[in-house]
Amino acid sequence: MAENNFKVSVKDVADIYCAAVCGLDKEFDEIAYRAGDSVIYFKPKVTGLRKAGDVTLKDGKCENAKALQEWVDCVKSGTIQRKEVTVSLLDESGCAVQTWTLINAWTKKFAGKENQPEKDALAFDFLLLAHEGVMECSEKY
């Protein structure tokens, strides 16, 4: 497994360490709007709603295999457990440099590794999370 650059904490589930996290970007819809009495003949663009794309955790490991597997598997039964997920970028000493929070995240897709490293741990190639928004640690939603 590659070096763990990220710590991902799923509230009331487990901590996950992974090599990469993708999809923490922010994007907004754009709306072309022209007032009916406007004298200009083009549609100015204004900011729309914030989009929430999926977040992918790559090459990860979780020490609490049972708790993570239960959270992943709950989608199969038709119940979605939305959780607050905190993603921390770690420096060489293991301290958080930057932190993001995923609002109401749930598992969308999971691909485990063929050879599991330990009995109580769960290693995976990727875990795809759907969510309702990303906040940086100092940001208000």
C-alpha atoms as a PDB file:
ATOM      1  CA  MET A   1       0.000   0.000   0.000  1.00  0.00           C
ATOM      2  CA  ALA A   2       1.223   3.505  -0.775  1.00  0.00           C
ATOM      3  CA  GLU A   3       2.055   6.022   1.911  1.00  0.00           C
ATOM      4  CA  ASN A   4      -1.005   7.274   3.801  1.00  0.00           C
ATOM      5  CA  ASN A   5      -1.311  10.973   3.024  1.00  0.00           C
ATOM      6  CA  PHE A   6      -4.882  11.346   4.279  1.00  0.00           C
ATOM      7  CA  LYS A   7      -6.828  10.500   7.413  1.00  0.00           C
ATOM      8  CA  VAL A   8     -10.567  10.178   6.840  1.00  0.00           C
ATOM      9  CA  SER A   9     -12.782  10.071   9.932  1.00  0.00           C
ATOM     10  CA  VAL A  10     -16.328   8.812   9.458  1.00  0.00           C
ATOM     11  CA  LYS A  11     -18.391   9.948  12.446  1.00  0.00           C
ATOM     12  CA  ASP A  12     -19.543   7.019  14.604  1.00  0.00           C
ATOM     13  CA  VAL A  13     -17.909   4.501  12.221  1.00  0.00           C
ATOM     14  CA  ALA A  14     -14.105   4.466  11.918  1.00  0.00           C
ATOM     15  CA  ASP A  15     -10.902   6.203  10.849  1.00  0.00           C
ATOM     16  CA  ILE A  16      -9.531   5.397   7.415  1.00  0.00           C
ATOM     17  CA  TYR A  17      -6.006   6.073   6.185  1.00  0.00           C
ATOM     18  CA  CYS A  18      -5.527   6.386   2.435  1.00  0.00           C
ATOM     19  CA  ALA A  19      -3.000   7.438  -0.178  1.00  0.00           C
ATOM     20  CA  ALA A  20      -5.224   9.819  -2.151  1.00  0.00           C
ATOM     21  CA  VAL A  21      -8.551  11.646  -1.983  1.00  0.00           C
ATOM     22  CA  CYS A  22     -10.118  13.084  -5.148  1.00  0.00           C
ATOM     23  CA  GLY A  23     -13.184  15.287  -5.618  1.00  0.00           C
ATOM     24  CA  LEU A  24     -12.804  17.871  -2.864  1.00  0.00           C
ATOM     25  CA  ASP A  25     -13.256  20.666  -5.373  1.00  0.00           C
ATOM     26  CA  LYS A  26     -16.126  23.147  -5.425  1.00  0.00           C
ATOM     27  CA  GLU A  27     -18.247  23.963  -8.421  1.00  0.00           C
ATOM     28  CA  PHE A  28     -21.255  26.204  -8.911  1.00  0.00           C
ATOM     29  CA  ASP A  29     -23.993  26.157 -11.518  1.00  0.00           C
ATOM     30  CA  GLU A  30     -24.134  29.160 -13.773  1.00  0.00           C
ATOM     31  CA  ILE A  31     -27.390  30.797 -14.727  1.00  0.00           C
ATOM     32  CA  ALA A  32     -27.788  32.949 -17.811  1.00  0.00           C
ATOM     33  CA  TYR A  33     -30.335  35.625 -16.957  1.00  0.00           C
ATOM     34  CA  ARG A  34     -31.574  38.682 -18.806  1.00  0.00           C
ATOM     35  CA  ALA A  35     -34.265  40.889 -17.382  1.00  0.00           C
ATOM     36  CA  GLY A  36     -37.201  41.515 -19.738  1.00  0.00           C
ATOM     37  CA  ASP A  37     -36.660  45.279 -19.778  1.00  0.00           C
ATOM     38  CA  SER A  38     -32.871  45.066 -20.258  1.00  0.00           C
ATOM     39  CA  VAL A  39     -31.377  47.090 -23.115  1.00  0.00           C
ATOM     40  CA  ILE A  40     -28.448  44.708 -23.561  1.00  0.00           C
ATOM     41  CA  TYR A  41     -28.835  41.875 -26.073  1.00  0.00           C
ATOM     42  CA  PHE A  42     -26.991  39.097 -24.273  1.00  0.00           C
ATOM     43  CA  LYS A  43     -27.624  37.114 -21.126  1.00  0.00           C
ATOM     44  CA  PRO A  44     -25.289  38.007 -18.248  1.00  0.00           C
ATOM     45  CA  LYS A  45     -24.259  35.020 -16.128  1.00  0.00           C
ATOM     46  CA  VAL A  46     -24.926  34.790 -12.409  1.00  0.00           C
ATOM     47  CA  THR A  47     -23.902  32.220  -9.812  1.00  0.00           C
ATOM     48  CA  GLY A  48     -26.299  29.362  -9.188  1.00  0.00           C
ATOM     49  CA  LEU A  49     -26.345  26.589  -6.623  1.00  0.00           C
ATOM     50  CA  ARG A  50     -23.258  24.804  -5.360  1.00  0.00           C
ATOM     51  CA  LYS A  51     -22.707  21.352  -6.887  1.00  0.00           C
ATOM     52  CA  ALA A  52     -21.640  18.381  -4.786  1.00  0.00           C
ATOM     53  CA  GLY A  53     -19.604  15.887  -6.820  1.00  0.00           C
ATOM     54  CA  ASP A  54     -18.535  12.499  -5.492  1.00  0.00           C
ATOM     55  CA  VAL A  55     -15.371  12.069  -3.405  1.00  0.00           C
ATOM     56  CA  THR A  56     -13.092   9.083  -4.017  1.00  0.00           C
ATOM     57  CA  LEU A  57     -10.793   7.577  -1.383  1.00  0.00           C
ATOM     58  CA  LYS A  58      -7.982   5.589  -3.024  1.00  0.00           C
ATOM     59  CA  ASP A  59      -5.709   2.855  -1.709  1.00  0.00           C
ATOM     60  CA  GLY A  60      -7.043   2.884   1.847  1.00  0.00           C
ATOM     61  CA  LYS A  61      -7.014   0.860   5.031  1.00  0.00           C
ATOM     62  CA  CYS A  62      -9.334   0.844   8.019  1.00  0.00           C
ATOM     63  CA  GLU A  63      -8.433  -0.868  11.316  1.00  0.00           C
ATOM     64  CA  ASN A  64     -12.093  -1.355  12.262  1.00  0.00           C
ATOM     65  CA  ALA A  65     -13.142  -3.618   9.388  1.00  0.00           C
ATOM     66  CA  LYS A  66     -16.506  -4.586  10.861  1.00  0.00           C
ATOM     67  CA  ALA A  67     -17.749  -1.020  11.380  1.00  0.00           C
ATOM     68  CA  LEU A  68     -16.677   0.151   7.919  1.00  0.00           C
ATOM     69  CA  GLN A  69     -18.123  -2.930   6.212  1.00  0.00           C
ATOM     70  CA  GLU A  70     -21.463  -2.419   7.986  1.00  0.00           C
ATOM     71  CA  TRP A  71     -21.595   1.213   6.808  1.00  0.00           C
ATOM     72  CA  VAL A  72     -20.767   0.191   3.235  1.00  0.00           C
ATOM     73  CA  ASP A  73     -23.274  -2.698   3.272  1.00  0.00           C
ATOM     74  CA  CYS A  74     -26.202  -0.707   4.686  1.00  0.00           C
ATOM     75  CA  VAL A  75     -26.842   0.676   1.178  1.00  0.00           C
ATOM     76  CA  LYS A  76     -27.593  -2.874  -0.046  1.00  0.00           C
ATOM     77  CA  SER A  77     -30.525  -3.113   2.364  1.00  0.00           C
ATOM     78  CA  GLY A  78     -31.976   0.153   1.093  1.00  0.00           C
ATOM     79  CA  THR A  79     -31.072   2.218   4.144  1.00  0.00           C
ATOM     80  CA  ILE A  80     -28.593   5.000   3.696  1.00  0.00           C
ATOM     81  CA  GLN A  81     -26.677   6.107   6.775  1.00  0.00           C
ATOM     82  CA  ARG A  82     -25.597   9.679   6.067  1.00  0.00           C
ATOM     83  CA  LYS A  83     -22.523  10.587   8.102  1.00  0.00           C
ATOM     84  CA  GLU A  84     -20.277  13.573   8.646  1.00  0.00           C
ATOM     85  CA  VAL A  85     -16.891  12.702   7.150  1.00  0.00           C
ATOM     86  CA  THR A  86     -13.736  14.657   7.967  1.00  0.00           C
ATOM     87  CA  VAL A  87     -10.834  14.476   5.505  1.00  0.00           C
ATOM     88  CA  SER A  88      -7.412  15.603   6.768  1.00  0.00           C
ATOM     89  CA  LEU A  89      -4.306  16.052   4.623  1.00  0.00           C
ATOM     90  CA  LEU A  90      -1.344  14.872   6.714  1.00  0.00           C
ATOM     91  CA  ASP A  91       2.247  16.087   6.706  1.00  0.00           C
ATOM     92  CA  GLU A  92       5.291  13.814   7.145  1.00  0.00           C
ATOM     93  CA  SER A  93       4.860  13.742  10.918  1.00  0.00           C
ATOM     94  CA  GLY A  94       1.172  12.757  10.680  1.00  0.00           C
ATOM     95  CA  CYS A  95      -0.261  16.156  11.656  1.00  0.00           C
ATOM     96  CA  ALA A  96      -3.234  17.618   9.784  1.00  0.00           C
ATOM     97  CA  VAL A  97      -2.262  20.415   7.387  1.00  0.00           C
ATOM     98  CA  GLN A  98      -5.663  20.984   5.743  1.00  0.00           C
ATOM     99  CA  THR A  99      -9.103  19.669   6.694  1.00  0.00           C
ATOM    100  CA  TRP A 100     -12.385  19.318   4.816  1.00  0.00           C
ATOM    101  CA  THR A 101     -15.790  18.102   5.997  1.00  0.00           C
ATOM    102  CA  LEU A 102     -18.255  16.220   3.813  1.00  0.00           C
ATOM    103  CA  ILE A 103     -21.859  16.935   4.749  1.00  0.00           C
ATOM    104  CA  ASN A 104     -24.242  13.930   4.933  1.00  0.00           C
ATOM    105  CA  ALA A 105     -21.911  11.521   3.116  1.00  0.00           C
ATOM    106  CA  TRP A 106     -22.819   7.927   2.268  1.00  0.00           C
ATOM    107  CA  THR A 107     -21.117   5.090   0.452  1.00  0.00           C
ATOM    108  CA  LYS A 108     -21.836   4.779  -3.232  1.00  0.00           C
ATOM    109  CA  LYS A 109     -19.245   2.283  -4.485  1.00  0.00           C
ATOM    110  CA  PHE A 110     -16.584   0.127  -2.846  1.00  0.00           C
ATOM    111  CA  ALA A 111     -13.790  -2.033  -4.230  1.00  0.00           C
ATOM    112  CA  GLY A 112     -11.890  -4.062  -1.647  1.00  0.00           C
ATOM    113  CA  LYS A 113      -8.453  -5.581  -2.145  1.00  0.00           C
ATOM    114  CA  GLU A 114      -8.113  -9.277  -2.980  1.00  0.00           C
ATOM    115  CA  ASN A 115      -5.564  -9.985  -0.241  1.00  0.00           C
ATOM    116  CA  GLN A 116      -6.553  -8.422   3.064  1.00  0.00           C
ATOM    117  CA  PRO A 117      -3.511  -7.483   5.200  1.00  0.00           C
ATOM    118  CA  GLU A 118      -4.933  -8.361   8.621  1.00  0.00           C
ATOM    119  CA  LYS A 119      -8.019 -10.040  10.064  1.00  0.00           C
ATOM    120  CA  ASP A 120      -9.445  -6.963  11.806  1.00  0.00           C
ATOM    121  CA  ALA A 121      -8.430  -4.451   9.105  1.00  0.00           C
ATOM    122  CA  LEU A 122     -10.104  -3.743   5.779  1.00  0.00           C
ATOM    123  CA  ALA A 123      -8.001  -2.603   2.823  1.00  0.00           C
ATOM    124  CA  PHE A 124      -9.560  -1.236  -0.370  1.00  0.00           C
ATOM    125  CA  ASP A 125      -8.616   0.083  -3.789  1.00  0.00           C
ATOM    126  CA  PHE A 126     -11.276   2.783  -3.692  1.00  0.00           C
ATOM    127  CA  LEU A 127     -14.343   3.952  -1.805  1.00  0.00           C
ATOM    128  CA  LEU A 128     -16.706   6.375  -3.542  1.00  0.00           C
ATOM    129  CA  LEU A 129     -18.717   8.729  -1.316  1.00  0.00           C
ATOM    130  CA  ALA A 130     -21.747  10.782  -2.334  1.00  0.00           C
ATOM    131  CA  HIS A 131     -22.419  13.863  -0.194  1.00  0.00           C
ATOM    132  CA  GLU A 132     -24.361  17.109   0.033  1.00  0.00           C
ATOM    133  CA  GLY A 133     -21.439  19.525   0.167  1.00  0.00           C
ATOM    134  CA  VAL A 134     -17.773  20.082   1.073  1.00  0.00           C
ATOM    135  CA  MET A 135     -16.620  22.613   3.661  1.00  0.00           C
ATOM    136  CA  GLU A 136     -13.035  23.619   4.351  1.00  0.00           C
ATOM    137  CA  CYS A 137     -12.232  23.697   8.070  1.00  0.00           C
ATOM    138  CA  SER A 138     -12.621  27.485   8.401  1.00  0.00           C
ATOM    139  CA  GLU A 139     -15.610  27.771   6.087  1.00  0.00           C
ATOM    140  CA  LYS A 140     -19.251  28.183   7.147  1.00  0.00           C
ATOM    141  CA  TYR A 141     -21.756  26.215   5.065  1.00  0.00           C
END
